Every structure is written in structure tokens, then in C-alpha cells.
Amino acid sequence: MTKLSSTARTLLAIAAMAALPSLAQESYDPEARLKSLGVELGEPAPPVANYVGAVTTGDLVFLAGHGPTQVDGTFVTGKVGSDMTIEQGYEAARLTAVSLLTSLKKEIGDLARVRRIVRVFGMVNAIEGFGQQPEVINGASDLLVEVFGDRGRHARAAVGMASLPRNIPVEIEMVVEIDP
């Protein structure tokens, strides 16, 4: 048996560690993860005005503001702090993340192309003085991390609004980096 020098052992260790990301890449399947969570992506809701749901430029996808769309295509409505609880707002934000992923999949074809969720901008329709916007928008952030792992960790803003279109409780925009 041949003995390896410490330099050769170090180089082999570095090569082995470099191979690890490619192994992780093989097991990266966000659509299977969605399925295991019981989340189905249907067709995206059409925009409610003169805009498109997603725009790709280079390796970035910009997703327009989405709201919580139910299976029947209607929006969840209400103001957090009066019509709904923080927990219900959290669920609305989670549902909004599903809407965003539906549009993202339509735009890029395969969610395995997601390299990173870059930024989430969450708006919460809440009563005056409400200060728990981060807890509400966590509904979206938590789902993104559940689906994409560390690739789902993102920069984020969570702000309060006096009202949102159609009286939806949350509206969320997202920027995603993709592989070619």
C-alpha cells in the first residue's frame, strides 16, 4: 500500500469536499419537496391589471406582487388585527408564497433551476398601530426555506399598509436568481 504525502492527502480532502455540492445538487428537488408538503401548483392567477406576473432578465426573475389565491381562484380577504389573527395572516402569506411559486414555475419551467431566493418584499394590510408584520410574512419565508433549504433564505422587508388591492391581507413580491 502506498503512503500519501500530507500534501496529497490535503488535495484529496479538498477534492472530496468540492464534490459534496454536486452531490447535494443531485438531491435538490424543490418540486418533490412541495409534493411532500402537500402543496400543488396549478395555473397562476391572471394579473388583475396591466402588468405581467413575472419578468426574467439575465439570471434574475422579478415576480410581481401576488396575493393569497385560493384553489377556486378567489382571494383571501381581510385586515390583520381586525378581520383576521396573526396566525391567519401567516397562513395567507404562506398561500401567497404558493401563488408566487406557481408563477415562478410557469416562468422558468422547473423549480430546480432556482439558485437562490434573493429578496422578498411583504406588505401586510393591517390595522393602525399593528407592529407584527414580520410574524405574518414569516408564513411565506418559512415555506420558501422548507422548499429550497438554504437557497430559500433571503433578504426581506415586511411592512404595514393601510389597505391593499381587493382587501387582501398580504401582498408579496419576490426576486429569484436562476441557473441558465
Protein backbone atom coordinates (compact mmCIF):
# COMPACT_ATOMS: atom_id res chain seq x y z
CA MET A 1 0.00 0.00 0.00
CA THR A 2 1.38 3.40 -0.97
CA LYS A 3 1.61 6.12 1.64
CA LEU A 4 0.35 9.53 0.61
CA SER A 5 2.18 12.69 1.48
CA SER A 6 0.38 15.21 3.66
CA THR A 7 0.06 17.47 0.60
CA ALA A 8 -1.57 14.67 -1.42
CA ARG A 9 -3.94 13.86 1.48
CA THR A 10 -4.88 17.55 1.72
CA LEU A 11 -5.53 17.75 -2.03
CA LEU A 12 -7.69 14.61 -1.90
CA ALA A 13 -9.67 16.04 1.03
CA ILE A 14 -10.22 19.31 -0.85
CA ALA A 15 -11.34 17.40 -3.95
CA ALA A 16 -13.76 15.32 -1.86
CA MET A 17 -15.24 18.44 -0.25
CA ALA A 18 -15.57 20.08 -3.67
CA ALA A 19 -17.59 17.07 -4.81
CA LEU A 20 -20.11 17.49 -1.98
CA PRO A 21 -22.04 20.40 -3.51
CA SER A 22 -22.56 18.39 -6.70
CA LEU A 23 -23.98 15.52 -4.63
CA ALA A 24 -26.30 17.97 -2.86
CA GLN A 25 -27.25 19.34 -6.26
CA GLU A 26 -28.39 15.87 -7.38
CA SER A 27 -30.76 15.55 -4.43
CA TYR A 28 -32.10 19.08 -4.85
CA ASP A 29 -35.73 18.68 -5.94
CA PRO A 30 -37.97 21.53 -4.78
CA GLU A 31 -40.99 20.17 -6.66
CA ALA A 32 -40.73 16.84 -4.83
CA ARG A 33 -40.41 18.80 -1.59
CA LEU A 34 -43.61 20.72 -2.40
CA LYS A 35 -45.38 17.43 -3.07
CA SER A 36 -44.18 16.01 0.26
CA LEU A 37 -45.63 19.11 1.96
CA GLY A 38 -48.96 18.52 0.22
CA VAL A 39 -48.62 21.65 -1.91
CA GLU A 40 -49.82 21.51 -5.50
CA LEU A 41 -49.02 24.19 -8.03
CA GLY A 42 -51.79 24.84 -10.52
CA GLU A 43 -52.07 27.60 -13.07
CA PRO A 44 -51.15 31.12 -11.97
CA ALA A 45 -53.97 33.61 -11.50
CA PRO A 46 -54.05 36.19 -14.29
CA PRO A 47 -52.86 39.69 -13.39
CA VAL A 48 -55.65 41.98 -12.18
CA ALA A 49 -54.38 44.99 -14.17
CA ASN A 50 -51.93 45.94 -16.94
CA TYR A 51 -48.79 44.03 -15.92
CA VAL A 52 -47.23 40.58 -16.13
CA GLY A 53 -46.74 38.19 -13.23
CA ALA A 54 -43.03 37.61 -13.84
CA VAL A 55 -40.16 39.10 -15.84
CA THR A 56 -36.83 37.38 -16.40
CA THR A 57 -33.73 39.40 -17.18
CA GLY A 58 -30.40 37.59 -17.24
CA ASP A 59 -30.33 35.20 -14.32
CA LEU A 60 -32.92 37.09 -12.25
CA VAL A 61 -36.68 36.64 -12.16
CA PHE A 62 -38.75 39.51 -10.78
CA LEU A 63 -42.17 38.39 -9.57
CA ALA A 64 -44.92 40.99 -9.36
CA GLY A 65 -46.89 41.42 -6.17
CA HIS A 66 -49.05 38.37 -5.52
CA GLY A 67 -51.84 37.83 -3.04
CA PRO A 68 -53.26 34.75 -1.35
CA THR A 69 -55.23 32.92 -4.04
CA GLN A 70 -57.48 30.06 -3.00
CA VAL A 71 -57.97 26.87 -5.03
CA ASP A 72 -61.13 28.29 -6.63
CA GLY A 73 -59.17 31.35 -7.85
CA THR A 74 -60.66 33.82 -5.36
CA PHE A 75 -58.55 35.88 -2.99
CA VAL A 76 -58.43 35.52 0.78
CA THR A 77 -59.52 38.93 2.11
CA GLY A 78 -59.35 40.81 5.37
CA LYS A 79 -57.30 43.14 7.51
CA VAL A 80 -54.86 41.61 10.00
CA GLY A 81 -55.67 42.72 13.53
CA SER A 82 -59.41 43.18 12.95
CA ASP A 83 -60.75 40.63 10.44
CA MET A 84 -58.05 38.03 11.00
CA THR A 85 -55.45 36.97 13.55
CA ILE A 86 -51.69 36.96 13.12
CA GLU A 87 -51.90 33.18 12.60
CA GLN A 88 -54.46 33.62 9.82
CA GLY A 89 -52.25 36.31 8.28
CA TYR A 90 -49.32 33.86 8.46
CA GLU A 91 -51.41 31.28 6.56
CA ALA A 92 -52.37 33.93 3.98
CA ALA A 93 -48.67 34.74 3.49
CA ARG A 94 -47.91 31.04 3.07
CA LEU A 95 -50.67 30.78 0.47
CA THR A 96 -49.21 33.83 -1.26
CA ALA A 97 -45.82 32.07 -1.44
CA VAL A 98 -47.59 29.18 -3.19
CA SER A 99 -49.01 31.71 -5.69
CA LEU A 100 -45.52 33.13 -6.24
CA LEU A 101 -44.07 29.65 -6.81
CA THR A 102 -46.87 28.89 -9.28
CA SER A 103 -45.92 31.96 -11.34
CA LEU A 104 -42.22 31.20 -10.96
CA LYS A 105 -42.67 27.65 -12.25
CA LYS A 106 -44.63 28.92 -15.25
CA GLU A 107 -41.86 31.45 -15.97
CA ILE A 108 -38.84 29.12 -15.65
CA GLY A 109 -40.32 25.66 -16.24
CA ASP A 110 -38.54 23.76 -13.47
CA LEU A 111 -38.11 24.97 -9.88
CA ALA A 112 -34.81 23.05 -9.69
CA ARG A 113 -33.38 25.98 -11.68
CA VAL A 114 -33.70 28.20 -8.59
CA ARG A 115 -30.22 29.07 -7.43
CA ARG A 116 -31.40 31.42 -4.68
CA ILE A 117 -34.42 33.30 -3.43
CA VAL A 118 -32.78 36.73 -3.31
CA ARG A 119 -35.38 39.08 -1.87
CA VAL A 120 -38.92 39.04 -0.55
CA PHE A 121 -40.92 42.23 -0.08
CA GLY A 122 -44.01 41.61 2.04
CA MET A 123 -46.84 44.05 2.65
CA VAL A 124 -49.43 43.44 5.36
CA ASN A 125 -52.90 45.01 5.28
CA ALA A 126 -53.22 45.75 8.98
CA ILE A 127 -54.94 47.98 11.50
CA GLU A 128 -53.27 51.20 12.62
CA GLY A 129 -50.60 50.53 15.21
CA PHE A 130 -50.07 46.88 14.17
CA GLY A 131 -46.40 46.00 14.51
CA GLN A 132 -46.14 42.27 13.87
CA GLN A 133 -45.66 42.33 10.10
CA PRO A 134 -42.54 40.10 10.33
CA GLU A 135 -44.53 37.34 12.06
CA VAL A 136 -47.15 37.46 9.30
CA ILE A 137 -44.67 37.44 6.38
CA ASN A 138 -42.84 34.53 8.03
CA GLY A 139 -45.62 32.41 6.51
CA ALA A 140 -44.02 32.97 3.10
CA SER A 141 -40.41 32.90 4.30
CA ASP A 142 -40.89 29.66 6.22
CA LEU A 143 -42.37 27.92 3.16
CA LEU A 144 -39.54 29.12 0.91
CA VAL A 145 -36.94 27.69 3.31
CA GLU A 146 -38.92 24.43 3.64
CA VAL A 147 -38.95 24.05 -0.14
CA PHE A 148 -35.50 25.35 -1.13
CA GLY A 149 -33.43 24.84 2.03
CA ASP A 150 -30.59 27.35 2.35
CA ARG A 151 -31.31 28.53 -1.21
CA GLY A 152 -34.63 29.80 0.16
CA ARG A 153 -33.05 32.08 2.78
CA HIS A 154 -33.49 35.63 1.54
CA ALA A 155 -33.23 39.32 2.29
CA ARG A 156 -36.64 40.65 3.25
CA ALA A 157 -38.80 43.62 4.13
CA ALA A 158 -42.14 43.28 5.95
CA VAL A 159 -44.15 46.48 6.10
CA GLY A 160 -47.64 47.52 7.11
CA MET A 161 -50.17 49.08 4.76
CA ALA A 162 -53.44 50.89 5.43
CA SER A 163 -55.00 48.87 2.60
CA LEU A 164 -54.10 46.50 -0.21
CA PRO A 165 -55.82 45.78 -3.54
CA ARG A 166 -59.08 43.80 -3.29
CA ASN A 167 -58.72 43.95 0.51
CA ILE A 168 -56.18 41.11 0.52
CA PRO A 169 -54.32 40.67 3.83
CA VAL A 170 -50.85 40.35 2.28
CA GLU A 171 -49.13 41.15 -0.98
CA ILE A 172 -45.66 39.82 -1.65
CA GLU A 173 -43.06 40.49 -4.36
CA MET A 174 -40.03 38.26 -4.89
CA VAL A 175 -36.69 38.30 -6.74
CA VAL A 176 -35.15 34.93 -7.63
CA GLU A 177 -31.74 34.02 -9.08
CA ILE A 178 -31.88 31.09 -11.50
CA ASP A 179 -29.48 28.77 -13.31
CA PRO A 180 -29.44 29.10 -17.10
